[in-house]
Amino acid sequence: MSITFSTVFMIAAVLLMSFTLLALIRVFLGPTAPDRVVGVDTVNTLVVASMIVLGAAYNRAIYIEIAIIYALLSFIGTIFIARYIKGGLR
């Protein structure tokens, strides 16, 4: 029995999405704001990884380019949220 590369990519994507659901539990249950921020950042990282896996599976560079832009915007958003929680934004 041989497993094709597309099957491996799909298994990886399903695992990443299940990990994303686990991270969403942390976002909703929280108990503190920093816990929720870490959960959202983890979700964003897993979404980027899923987009890259799907882009490789379907041999589409556009998914990878979108993942790079999404990662950059996610990083900037996380920085702003962290500064807001710290009290740096006014």
Protein backbone atom coordinates (compact mmCIF):
# COMPACT_ATOMS: atom_id res chain seq x y z
CA MET A 1 0.00 0.00 0.00
CA SER A 2 1.56 3.27 -1.09
CA ILE A 3 0.57 6.65 0.21
CA THR A 4 0.72 9.52 -2.25
CA PHE A 5 2.06 12.94 -1.44
CA SER A 6 -1.39 14.51 -1.73
CA THR A 7 -2.69 12.12 0.94
CA VAL A 8 0.15 13.11 3.26
CA PHE A 9 -0.57 16.79 2.63
CA MET A 10 -4.25 16.32 3.38
CA ILE A 11 -3.51 14.42 6.60
CA ALA A 12 -1.18 17.23 7.65
CA ALA A 13 -3.86 19.83 6.86
CA VAL A 14 -6.47 17.95 8.90
CA LEU A 15 -4.07 17.68 11.85
CA LEU A 16 -3.26 21.40 11.65
CA MET A 17 -6.95 22.27 11.61
CA SER A 18 -7.63 20.04 14.62
CA PHE A 19 -4.79 21.80 16.47
CA THR A 20 -6.40 25.08 15.46
CA LEU A 21 -9.64 24.01 17.11
CA LEU A 22 -7.73 23.20 20.29
CA ALA A 23 -6.14 26.65 20.24
CA LEU A 24 -9.58 28.21 19.76
CA ILE A 25 -10.64 26.57 23.01
CA ARG A 26 -7.86 28.54 24.73
CA VAL A 27 -9.09 31.73 23.05
CA PHE A 28 -12.66 31.26 24.29
CA LEU A 29 -11.96 29.86 27.74
CA GLY A 30 -9.10 32.08 28.46
CA PRO A 31 -9.02 33.02 31.73
CA THR A 32 -6.85 36.14 31.18
CA ALA A 33 -6.31 38.48 28.25
CA PRO A 34 -2.68 37.38 27.65
CA ASP A 35 -3.90 33.76 27.43
CA ARG A 36 -6.36 34.79 24.76
CA VAL A 37 -3.69 36.73 22.85
CA VAL A 38 -1.40 33.70 22.86
CA GLY A 39 -4.32 31.57 21.66
CA VAL A 40 -5.09 33.94 18.79
CA ASP A 41 -1.42 34.06 17.83
CA THR A 42 -1.28 30.27 17.84
CA VAL A 43 -4.38 30.09 15.66
CA ASN A 44 -2.82 32.54 13.21
CA THR A 45 0.39 30.52 13.06
CA LEU A 46 -1.52 27.30 12.44
CA VAL A 47 -3.60 28.95 9.70
CA VAL A 48 -0.40 30.10 7.98
CA ALA A 49 1.04 26.59 8.22
CA SER A 50 -2.20 25.12 6.82
CA MET A 51 -2.16 27.54 3.89
CA ILE A 52 1.42 26.58 3.08
CA VAL A 53 0.61 22.87 3.26
CA LEU A 54 -2.42 23.30 1.01
CA GLY A 55 -0.41 25.44 -1.40
CA ALA A 56 2.20 22.71 -1.65
CA ALA A 57 -0.48 20.02 -2.02
CA TYR A 58 -2.25 21.80 -4.87
CA ASN A 59 0.99 23.19 -6.33
CA ARG A 60 -0.32 26.77 -6.13
CA ALA A 61 2.10 29.54 -5.23
CA ILE A 62 -0.74 31.98 -4.53
CA TYR A 63 -1.58 30.18 -1.26
CA ILE A 64 1.98 30.56 -0.08
CA GLU A 65 2.10 34.24 -1.04
CA ILE A 66 -1.16 34.88 0.80
CA ALA A 67 0.20 32.98 3.81
CA ILE A 68 3.25 35.26 3.91
CA ILE A 69 1.07 38.39 3.83
CA TYR A 70 -1.26 36.91 6.45
CA ALA A 71 1.71 36.09 8.70
CA LEU A 72 3.02 39.64 8.41
CA LEU A 73 -0.35 41.17 9.27
CA SER A 74 -0.79 38.69 12.12
CA PHE A 75 2.60 39.64 13.55
CA ILE A 76 1.80 43.35 13.40
CA GLY A 77 -1.60 42.74 15.02
CA THR A 78 -0.03 40.72 17.82
CA ILE A 79 2.50 43.49 18.48
CA PHE A 80 -0.27 46.09 18.73
CA ILE A 81 -2.38 43.93 21.03
CA ALA A 82 0.62 43.23 23.28
CA ARG A 83 1.40 46.94 23.50
CA TYR A 84 -2.23 47.69 24.28
CA ILE A 85 -2.33 45.12 27.09
CA LYS A 86 0.94 46.48 28.46
CA GLY A 87 -0.53 49.98 28.40
CA GLY A 88 1.69 51.47 25.72
CA LEU A 89 -0.98 52.66 23.30
CA ARG A 90 -2.84 55.86 24.12
